[in-house]
PDB file of N, CA and C in Angstrom:
ATOM      1  N   UNK A   1       6.712   4.773   5.542  1.00  0.00           N
ATOM      2  CA  UNK A   1       5.434   5.318   5.101  1.00  0.00           C
ATOM      3  C   UNK A   1       5.578   5.900   3.719  1.00  0.00           C
ATOM      4  N   UNK A   2       4.723   5.471   2.818  1.00  0.00           N
ATOM      5  CA  UNK A   2       4.707   5.974   1.456  1.00  0.00           C
ATOM      6  C   UNK A   2       3.352   6.630   1.235  1.00  0.00           C
ATOM      7  N   UNK A   3       3.369   7.891   0.905  1.00  0.00           N
ATOM      8  CA  UNK A   3       2.146   8.684   0.865  1.00  0.00           C
ATOM      9  C   UNK A   3       1.884   9.197  -0.545  1.00  0.00           C
ATOM     10  N   UNK A   4       0.644   9.021  -1.006  1.00  0.00           N
ATOM     11  CA  UNK A   4       0.202   9.504  -2.309  1.00  0.00           C
ATOM     12  C   UNK A   4      -1.004  10.405  -2.070  1.00  0.00           C
ATOM     13  N   UNK A   5      -0.946  11.644  -2.522  1.00  0.00           N
ATOM     14  CA  UNK A   5      -2.039  12.592  -2.351  1.00  0.00           C
ATOM     15  C   UNK A   5      -2.412  13.189  -3.701  1.00  0.00           C
ATOM     16  N   UNK A   6      -3.715  13.200  -3.985  1.00  0.00           N
ATOM     17  CA  UNK A   6      -4.239  13.839  -5.186  1.00  0.00           C
ATOM     18  C   UNK A   6      -5.318  14.815  -4.717  1.00  0.00           C
ATOM     19  N   UNK A   7      -4.987  16.102  -4.632  1.00  0.00           N
ATOM     20  CA  UNK A   7      -5.963  17.086  -4.161  1.00  0.00           C
ATOM     21  C   UNK A   7      -7.269  17.027  -4.964  1.00  0.00           C
ATOM     22  N   UNK A   8      -8.385  17.058  -4.254  1.00  0.00           N
ATOM     23  CA  UNK A   8      -9.695  17.028  -4.889  1.00  0.00           C
ATOM     24  C   UNK A   8     -10.298  15.652  -5.031  1.00  0.00           C
ATOM     25  N   UNK A   9      -9.521  14.601  -4.789  1.00  0.00           N
ATOM     26  CA  UNK A   9     -10.053  13.239  -4.900  1.00  0.00           C
ATOM     27  C   UNK A   9     -10.995  12.957  -3.739  1.00  0.00           C
ATOM     28  N   UNK A  10     -12.078  12.235  -4.022  1.00  0.00           N
ATOM     29  CA  UNK A  10     -12.958  11.794  -2.940  1.00  0.00           C
ATOM     30  C   UNK A  10     -12.593  10.392  -2.469  1.00  0.00           C
ATOM     31  N   UNK A  11     -11.927   9.606  -3.352  1.00  0.00           N
ATOM     32  CA  UNK A  11     -11.393   8.286  -3.015  1.00  0.00           C
ATOM     33  C   UNK A  11     -10.127   8.072  -3.838  1.00  0.00           C
ATOM     34  N   UNK A  12      -9.254   7.221  -3.319  1.00  0.00           N
ATOM     35  CA  UNK A  12      -7.986   6.947  -3.995  1.00  0.00           C
ATOM     36  C   UNK A  12      -7.599   5.490  -3.730  1.00  0.00           C
ATOM     37  N   UNK A  13      -6.937   4.867  -4.698  1.00  0.00           N
ATOM     38  CA  UNK A  13      -6.418   3.516  -4.498  1.00  0.00           C
ATOM     39  C   UNK A  13      -5.143   3.356  -5.311  1.00  0.00           C
ATOM     40  N   UNK A  14      -4.340   2.377  -4.924  1.00  0.00           N
ATOM     41  CA  UNK A  14      -3.088   2.106  -5.626  1.00  0.00           C
ATOM     42  C   UNK A  14      -3.073   0.701  -6.180  1.00  0.00           C
ATOM     43  N   UNK A  15      -2.167   0.475  -7.119  1.00  0.00           N
ATOM     44  CA  UNK A  15      -2.014  -0.844  -7.725  1.00  0.00           C
ATOM     45  C   UNK A  15      -0.625  -1.380  -7.400  1.00  0.00           C
ATOM     46  N   UNK A  16      -0.585  -2.545  -6.766  1.00  0.00           N
ATOM     47  CA  UNK A  16       0.686  -3.212  -6.491  1.00  0.00           C
ATOM     48  C   UNK A  16       1.140  -3.933  -7.755  1.00  0.00           C
ATOM     49  N   UNK A  17       2.164  -3.417  -8.422  1.00  0.00           N
ATOM     50  CA  UNK A  17       2.738  -4.103  -9.571  1.00  0.00           C
ATOM     51  C   UNK A  17       3.725  -5.166  -9.131  1.00  0.00           C
ATOM     52  N   UNK A  18       4.333  -4.958  -7.969  1.00  0.00           N
ATOM     53  CA  UNK A  18       5.270  -5.905  -7.361  1.00  0.00           C
ATOM     54  C   UNK A  18       4.886  -6.025  -5.895  1.00  0.00           C
ATOM     55  N   UNK A  19       4.859  -7.240  -5.376  1.00  0.00           N
ATOM     56  CA  UNK A  19       4.614  -7.449  -3.952  1.00  0.00           C
ATOM     57  C   UNK A  19       5.349  -8.711  -3.548  1.00  0.00           C
ATOM     58  N   UNK A  20       6.509  -8.543  -2.940  1.00  0.00           N
ATOM     59  CA  UNK A  20       7.379  -9.677  -2.615  1.00  0.00           C
ATOM     60  C   UNK A  20       8.117  -9.355  -1.324  1.00  0.00           C
ATOM     61  N   UNK A  21       7.423  -9.503  -0.205  1.00  0.00           N
ATOM     62  CA  UNK A  21       7.984  -9.123   1.089  1.00  0.00           C
ATOM     63  C   UNK A  21       8.764 -10.263   1.727  1.00  0.00           C
ATOM     64  N   UNK A  22       9.645  -9.896   2.651  1.00  0.00           N
ATOM     65  CA  UNK A  22      10.368 -10.869   3.443  1.00  0.00           C
ATOM     66  C   UNK A  22       9.452 -11.543   4.447  1.00  0.00           C
ATOM     67  N   UNK A  23       9.950 -12.570   5.088  1.00  0.00           N
ATOM     68  CA  UNK A  23       9.152 -13.426   5.979  1.00  0.00           C
ATOM     69  C   UNK A  23       8.444 -12.658   7.092  1.00  0.00           C
ATOM     70  N   UNK A  24       9.103 -11.699   7.705  1.00  0.00           N
ATOM     71  CA  UNK A  24       8.504 -10.982   8.832  1.00  0.00           C
ATOM     72  C   UNK A  24       8.140  -9.540   8.488  1.00  0.00           C
ATOM     73  N   UNK A  25       8.043  -9.212   7.208  1.00  0.00           N
ATOM     74  CA  UNK A  25       7.651  -7.877   6.769  1.00  0.00           C
ATOM     75  C   UNK A  25       6.147  -7.834   6.549  1.00  0.00           C
ATOM     76  N   UNK A  26       5.564  -6.637   6.653  1.00  0.00           N
ATOM     77  CA  UNK A  26       4.140  -6.488   6.363  1.00  0.00           C
ATOM     78  C   UNK A  26       3.820  -5.078   5.910  1.00  0.00           C
ATOM     79  N   UNK A  27       2.643  -4.950   5.277  1.00  0.00           N
ATOM     80  CA  UNK A  27       2.174  -3.685   4.716  1.00  0.00           C
ATOM     81  C   UNK A  27       0.720  -3.494   5.111  1.00  0.00           C
ATOM     82  N   UNK A  28       0.361  -2.252   5.458  1.00  0.00           N
ATOM     83  CA  UNK A  28      -1.045  -1.900   5.640  1.00  0.00           C
ATOM     84  C   UNK A  28      -1.387  -0.742   4.707  1.00  0.00           C
ATOM     85  N   UNK A  29      -2.668  -0.647   4.375  1.00  0.00           N
ATOM     86  CA  UNK A  29      -3.203   0.442   3.559  1.00  0.00           C
ATOM     87  C   UNK A  29      -3.971   1.348   4.513  1.00  0.00           C
ATOM     88  N   UNK A  30      -3.628   2.638   4.509  1.00  0.00           N
ATOM     89  CA  UNK A  30      -4.230   3.591   5.450  1.00  0.00           C
ATOM     90  C   UNK A  30      -4.730   4.822   4.716  1.00  0.00           C
ATOM     91  N   UNK A  31      -5.629   5.545   5.393  1.00  0.00           N
ATOM     92  CA  UNK A  31      -6.034   6.844   4.868  1.00  0.00           C
ATOM     93  C   UNK A  31      -5.065   7.902   5.384  1.00  0.00           C
ATOM     94  N   UNK A  32      -5.306   9.141   5.050  1.00  0.00           N
ATOM     95  CA  UNK A  32      -4.401  10.217   5.412  1.00  0.00           C
ATOM     96  C   UNK A  32      -4.309  10.518   6.889  1.00  0.00           C
ATOM     97  N   UNK A  33      -5.263  10.000   7.683  1.00  0.00           N
ATOM     98  CA  UNK A  33      -5.223  10.235   9.133  1.00  0.00           C
ATOM     99  C   UNK A  33      -4.724   9.023   9.911  1.00  0.00           C
ATOM    100  N   UNK A  34      -4.301   7.969   9.195  1.00  0.00           N
ATOM    101  CA  UNK A  34      -3.724   6.804   9.865  1.00  0.00           C
ATOM    102  C   UNK A  34      -4.683   5.672  10.148  1.00  0.00           C
ATOM    103  N   UNK A  35      -5.941   5.786   9.711  1.00  0.00           N
ATOM    104  CA  UNK A  35      -6.888   4.686   9.887  1.00  0.00           C
ATOM    105  C   UNK A  35      -6.531   3.549   8.926  1.00  0.00           C
ATOM    106  N   UNK A  36      -6.418   2.336   9.452  1.00  0.00           N
ATOM    107  CA  UNK A  36      -6.106   1.179   8.608  1.00  0.00           C
ATOM    108  C   UNK A  36      -7.362   0.806   7.830  1.00  0.00           C
ATOM    109  N   UNK A  37      -7.234   0.788   6.513  1.00  0.00           N
ATOM    110  CA  UNK A  37      -8.342   0.450   5.621  1.00  0.00           C
ATOM    111  C   UNK A  37      -8.260  -1.013   5.207  1.00  0.00           C
ATOM    112  N   UNK A  38      -7.044  -1.532   5.063  1.00  0.00           N
ATOM    113  CA  UNK A  38      -6.843  -2.890   4.571  1.00  0.00           C
ATOM    114  C   UNK A  38      -5.501  -3.416   5.074  1.00  0.00           C
ATOM    115  N   UNK A  39      -5.441  -4.719   5.341  1.00  0.00           N
ATOM    116  CA  UNK A  39      -4.186  -5.329   5.771  1.00  0.00           C
ATOM    117  C   UNK A  39      -4.217  -5.679   7.241  1.00  0.00           C
ATOM    118  N   UNK A  40      -3.135  -6.192   7.768  1.00  0.00           N
ATOM    119  CA  UNK A  40      -1.809  -6.247   7.157  1.00  0.00           C
ATOM    120  C   UNK A  40      -1.693  -7.368   6.133  1.00  0.00           C
ATOM    121  N   UNK A  41      -0.854  -7.103   5.118  1.00  0.00           N
ATOM    122  CA  UNK A  41      -0.524  -8.082   4.104  1.00  0.00           C
ATOM    123  C   UNK A  41       0.890  -8.562   4.357  1.00  0.00           C
ATOM    124  N   UNK A  42       1.102  -9.846   4.141  1.00  0.00           N
ATOM    125  CA  UNK A  42       2.423 -10.435   4.360  1.00  0.00           C
ATOM    126  C   UNK A  42       2.888 -11.163   3.100  1.00  0.00           C
ATOM    127  N   UNK A  43       4.186 -11.301   2.981  1.00  0.00           N
ATOM    128  CA  UNK A  43       4.820 -12.036   1.885  1.00  0.00           C
ATOM    129  C   UNK A  43       4.183 -11.702   0.544  1.00  0.00           C
ATOM    130  N   UNK A  44       3.750 -12.682  -0.255  1.00  0.00           N
ATOM    131  CA  UNK A  44       3.230 -12.399  -1.594  1.00  0.00           C
ATOM    132  C   UNK A  44       1.707 -12.467  -1.658  1.00  0.00           C
ATOM    133  N   UNK A  45       1.032 -12.133  -0.547  1.00  0.00           N
ATOM    134  CA  UNK A  45      -0.413 -12.315  -0.471  1.00  0.00           C
ATOM    135  C   UNK A  45      -1.211 -11.390  -1.376  1.00  0.00           C
ATOM    136  N   UNK A  46      -0.619 -10.311  -1.872  1.00  0.00           N
ATOM    137  CA  UNK A  46      -1.388  -9.342  -2.656  1.00  0.00           C
ATOM    138  C   UNK A  46      -0.672  -8.950  -3.937  1.00  0.00           C
ATOM    139  N   UNK A  47      -0.125  -9.908  -4.628  1.00  0.00           N
ATOM    140  CA  UNK A  47       0.617  -9.652  -5.853  1.00  0.00           C
ATOM    141  C   UNK A  47      -0.305  -9.182  -6.971  1.00  0.00           C
ATOM    142  N   UNK A  48       0.096  -8.114  -7.650  1.00  0.00           N
ATOM    143  CA  UNK A  48      -0.597  -7.618  -8.840  1.00  0.00           C
ATOM    144  C   UNK A  48      -2.093  -7.398  -8.614  1.00  0.00           C
ATOM    145  N   UNK A  49      -2.417  -6.473  -7.742  1.00  0.00           N
ATOM    146  CA  UNK A  49      -3.821  -6.157  -7.480  1.00  0.00           C
ATOM    147  C   UNK A  49      -3.951  -4.736  -6.974  1.00  0.00           C
ATOM    148  N   UNK A  50      -5.178  -4.221  -7.046  1.00  0.00           N
ATOM    149  CA  UNK A  50      -5.474  -2.905  -6.489  1.00  0.00           C
ATOM    150  C   UNK A  50      -5.703  -3.006  -4.984  1.00  0.00           C
ATOM    151  N   UNK A  51      -5.408  -1.913  -4.296  1.00  0.00           N
ATOM    152  CA  UNK A  51      -5.796  -1.799  -2.891  1.00  0.00           C
ATOM    153  C   UNK A  51      -7.293  -1.522  -2.844  1.00  0.00           C
ATOM    154  N   UNK A  52      -7.860  -1.552  -1.665  1.00  0.00           N
ATOM    155  CA  UNK A  52      -9.236  -1.100  -1.483  1.00  0.00           C
ATOM    156  C   UNK A  52      -9.296   0.402  -1.766  1.00  0.00           C
ATOM    157  N   UNK A  53     -10.477   0.903  -2.112  1.00  0.00           N
ATOM    158  CA  UNK A  53     -10.657   2.345  -2.230  1.00  0.00           C
ATOM    159  C   UNK A  53     -10.520   2.961  -0.842  1.00  0.00           C
ATOM    160  N   UNK A  54      -9.738   4.020  -0.757  1.00  0.00           N
ATOM    161  CA  UNK A  54      -9.494   4.720   0.505  1.00  0.00           C
ATOM    162  C   UNK A  54     -10.241   6.048   0.444  1.00  0.00           C
ATOM    163  N   UNK A  55     -11.079   6.352   1.441  1.00  0.00           N
ATOM    164  CA  UNK A  55     -11.793   7.626   1.422  1.00  0.00           C
ATOM    165  C   UNK A  55     -10.835   8.811   1.559  1.00  0.00           C
ATOM    166  N   UNK A  56     -11.138   9.884   0.835  1.00  0.00           N
ATOM    167  CA  UNK A  56     -10.315  11.086   0.910  1.00  0.00           C
ATOM    168  C   UNK A  56      -9.325  11.153  -0.231  1.00  0.00           C
ATOM    169  N   UNK A  57      -8.395  12.089  -0.121  1.00  0.00           N
ATOM    170  CA  UNK A  57      -7.452  12.332  -1.217  1.00  0.00           C
ATOM    171  C   UNK A  57      -6.056  11.769  -0.969  1.00  0.00           C
ATOM    172  N   UNK A  58      -5.891  10.998   0.135  1.00  0.00           N
ATOM    173  CA  UNK A  58      -4.558  10.504   0.492  1.00  0.00           C
ATOM    174  C   UNK A  58      -4.574   9.007   0.764  1.00  0.00           C
ATOM    175  N   UNK A  59      -3.640   8.315   0.136  1.00  0.00           N
ATOM    176  CA  UNK A  59      -3.397   6.884   0.324  1.00  0.00           C
ATOM    177  C   UNK A  59      -2.027   6.742   0.978  1.00  0.00           C
ATOM    178  N   UNK A  60      -1.973   5.990   2.070  1.00  0.00           N
ATOM    179  CA  UNK A  60      -0.695   5.743   2.749  1.00  0.00           C
ATOM    180  C   UNK A  60      -0.436   4.245   2.742  1.00  0.00           C
ATOM    181  N   UNK A  61       0.745   3.871   2.285  1.00  0.00           N
ATOM    182  CA  UNK A  61       1.200   2.483   2.351  1.00  0.00           C
ATOM    183  C   UNK A  61       2.226   2.439   3.473  1.00  0.00           C
ATOM    184  N   UNK A  62       1.900   1.732   4.548  1.00  0.00           N
ATOM    185  CA  UNK A  62       2.832   1.615   5.677  1.00  0.00           C
ATOM    186  C   UNK A  62       3.549   0.271   5.573  1.00  0.00           C
ATOM    187  N   UNK A  63       4.860   0.339   5.488  1.00  0.00           N
ATOM    188  CA  UNK A  63       5.697  -0.849   5.359  1.00  0.00           C
ATOM    189  C   UNK A  63       6.484  -1.032   6.646  1.00  0.00           C
ATOM    190  N   UNK A  64       6.403  -2.223   7.213  1.00  0.00           N
ATOM    191  CA  UNK A  64       7.168  -2.554   8.419  1.00  0.00           C
ATOM    192  C   UNK A  64       8.060  -3.737   8.081  1.00  0.00           C
ATOM    193  N   UNK A  65       9.350  -3.572   8.322  1.00  0.00           N
ATOM    194  CA  UNK A  65      10.324  -4.606   7.976  1.00  0.00           C
ATOM    195  C   UNK A  65      10.812  -5.323   9.222  1.00  0.00           C
ATOM    196  N   UNK A  66      11.152  -6.582   9.042  1.00  0.00           N
ATOM    197  CA  UNK A  66      11.738  -7.374  10.123  1.00  0.00           C
ATOM    198  C   UNK A  66      13.055  -6.740  10.548  1.00  0.00           C
ATOM    199  N   UNK A  67      13.467  -6.972  11.775  1.00  0.00           N
ATOM    200  CA  UNK A  67      14.787  -6.497  12.183  1.00  0.00           C
ATOM    201  C   UNK A  67      15.859  -7.031  11.238  1.00  0.00           C
ATOM    202  N   UNK A  68      16.917  -6.262  11.019  1.00  0.00           N
ATOM    203  CA  UNK A  68      17.939  -6.665  10.047  1.00  0.00           C
ATOM    204  C   UNK A  68      18.495  -8.066  10.266  1.00  0.00           C
ATOM    205  N   UNK A  69      18.621  -8.498  11.511  1.00  0.00           N
ATOM    206  CA  UNK A  69      19.173  -9.834  11.748  1.00  0.00           C
ATOM    207  C   UNK A  69      18.230 -10.941  11.271  1.00  0.00           C
ATOM    208  N   UNK A  70      16.930 -10.598  11.099  1.00  0.00           N
ATOM    209  CA  UNK A  70      15.957 -11.587  10.627  1.00  0.00           C
ATOM    210  C   UNK A  70      15.807 -11.588   9.113  1.00  0.00           C
ATOM    211  N   UNK A  71      16.201 -10.506   8.455  1.00  0.00           N
ATOM    212  CA  UNK A  71      15.904 -10.397   7.030  1.00  0.00           C
ATOM    213  C   UNK A  71      17.127 -10.109   6.171  1.00  0.00           C
ATOM    214  N   UNK A  72      18.304 -10.264   6.704  1.00  0.00           N
ATOM    215  CA  UNK A  72      19.521  -9.952   5.953  1.00  0.00           C
ATOM    216  C   UNK A  72      19.572 -10.718   4.643  1.00  0.00           C
ATOM    217  N   UNK A  73      19.705  -9.978   3.568  1.00  0.00           N
ATOM    218  CA  UNK A  73      19.854 -10.557   2.233  1.00  0.00           C
ATOM    219  C   UNK A  73      18.780 -11.606   1.948  1.00  0.00           C
ATOM    220  N   UNK A  74      17.526 -11.225   2.182  1.00  0.00           N
ATOM    221  CA  UNK A  74      16.431 -12.175   1.977  1.00  0.00           C
ATOM    222  C   UNK A  74      16.160 -12.439   0.497  1.00  0.00           C
ATOM    223  N   UNK A  75      16.669 -11.562  -0.375  1.00  0.00           N
ATOM    224  CA  UNK A  75      16.439 -11.751  -1.805  1.00  0.00           C
ATOM    225  C   UNK A  75      15.049 -11.346  -2.256  1.00  0.00           C
ATOM    226  N   UNK A  76      14.265 -10.756  -1.373  1.00  0.00           N
ATOM    227  CA  UNK A  76      12.910 -10.343  -1.705  1.00  0.00           C
ATOM    228  C   UNK A  76      12.935  -8.992  -2.399  1.00  0.00           C
ATOM    229  N   UNK A  77      11.955  -8.763  -3.278  1.00  0.00           N
ATOM    230  CA  UNK A  77      11.937  -7.556  -4.088  1.00  0.00           C
ATOM    231  C   UNK A  77      11.207  -6.380  -3.485  1.00  0.00           C
ATOM    232  N   UNK A  78      10.511  -6.572  -2.343  1.00  0.00           N
ATOM    233  CA  UNK A  78       9.768  -5.476  -1.743  1.00  0.00           C
ATOM    234  C   UNK A  78       8.428  -5.287  -2.424  1.00  0.00           C
ATOM    235  N   UNK A  79       8.027  -4.031  -2.599  1.00  0.00           N
ATOM    236  CA  UNK A  79       6.772  -3.769  -3.284  1.00  0.00           C
ATOM    237  C   UNK A  79       6.904  -2.487  -4.091  1.00  0.00           C
ATOM    238  N   UNK A  80       6.001  -2.340  -5.058  1.00  0.00           N
ATOM    239  CA  UNK A  80       5.967  -1.128  -5.864  1.00  0.00           C
ATOM    240  C   UNK A  80       4.518  -0.806  -6.191  1.00  0.00           C
ATOM    241  N   UNK A  81       4.153   0.444  -6.023  1.00  0.00           N
ATOM    242  CA  UNK A  81       2.860   0.932  -6.483  1.00  0.00           C
ATOM    243  C   UNK A  81       3.091   1.462  -7.895  1.00  0.00           C
ATOM    244  N   UNK A  82       2.489   0.799  -8.885  1.00  0.00           N
ATOM    245  CA  UNK A  82       2.747   1.180 -10.267  1.00  0.00           C
ATOM    246  C   UNK A  82       1.687   2.104 -10.844  1.00  0.00           C
ATOM    247  N   UNK A  83       0.577   2.293 -10.120  1.00  0.00           N
ATOM    248  CA  UNK A  83      -0.494   3.147 -10.613  1.00  0.00           C
ATOM    249  C   UNK A  83      -1.328   3.627  -9.426  1.00  0.00           C
ATOM    250  N   UNK A  84      -1.846   4.831  -9.522  1.00  0.00           N
ATOM    251  CA  UNK A  84      -2.771   5.368  -8.531  1.00  0.00           C
ATOM    252  C   UNK A  84      -4.007   5.850  -9.280  1.00  0.00           C
ATOM    253  N   UNK A  85      -5.199   5.449  -8.793  1.00  0.00           N
ATOM    254  CA  UNK A  85      -6.462   5.874  -9.384  1.00  0.00           C
ATOM    255  C   UNK A  85      -7.235   6.688  -8.373  1.00  0.00           C
ATOM    256  N   UNK A  86      -8.048   7.616  -8.872  1.00  0.00           N
ATOM    257  CA  UNK A  86      -8.895   8.407  -7.982  1.00  0.00           C
ATOM    258  C   UNK A  86     -10.334   8.397  -8.489  1.00  0.00           C
ATOM    259  N   UNK A  87     -11.224   8.743  -7.584  1.00  0.00           N
ATOM    260  CA  UNK A  87     -12.612   9.038  -7.917  1.00  0.00           C
ATOM    261  C   UNK A  87     -12.891  10.433  -7.376  1.00  0.00           C
ATOM    262  N   UNK A  88     -13.713  11.165  -8.097  1.00  0.00           N
ATOM    263  CA  UNK A  88     -14.180  12.455  -7.630  1.00  0.00           C
ATOM    264  C   UNK A  88     -15.686  12.378  -7.506  1.00  0.00           C
ATOM    265  N   UNK A  89     -16.242  13.049  -6.533  1.00  0.00           N
ATOM    266  CA  UNK A  89     -17.685  13.042  -6.336  1.00  0.00           C
ATOM    267  C   UNK A  89     -18.363  13.425  -7.645  1.00  0.00           C
ATOM    268  N   UNK A  90     -19.328  12.596  -8.052  1.00  0.00           N
ATOM    269  CA  UNK A  90     -20.082  12.856  -9.265  1.00  0.00           C
ATOM    270  C   UNK A  90     -19.425  12.366 -10.551  1.00  0.00           C
ATOM    271  N   UNK A  91     -18.237  11.792 -10.461  1.00  0.00           N
ATOM    272  CA  UNK A  91     -17.539  11.335 -11.670  1.00  0.00           C
ATOM    273  C   UNK A  91     -17.221   9.847 -11.593  1.00  0.00           C
ATOM    274  N   UNK A  92     -18.192   9.022 -11.325  1.00  0.00           N
ATOM    275  CA  UNK A  92     -17.952   7.584 -11.251  1.00  0.00           C
ATOM    276  C   UNK A  92     -18.248   7.022 -12.583  1.00  0.00           C
TER     277      UNK A  92
END
C-alpha cells in the first residue's frame, strides 16, 4: 500500500510515470477508506497516465504481487507515481 495525503484537498490523483508490472501483479486506485476507485490494472495497461480523481485528501495505490515462485527475476520495473495533483473546493 502506497499512501499519498494532502490535507485540505477535496480530490487527489496521481500520475504513473512508470508502469511495468509482472504477469500476475496488479494495482488498484483507492480512497483513504479503502474504496476501489479504479482498477485493477495489470502489466503495462496504464503507462504514463493520470489516475482517476479520488474524492477526499488521500490517494492509495494498492500493489499486489505474484507469489515469488511465479515472478522471480521477471525483469519488470514496477511502477512509480511521479506527480500528485489536488483540487480544493472552489479552486478548479
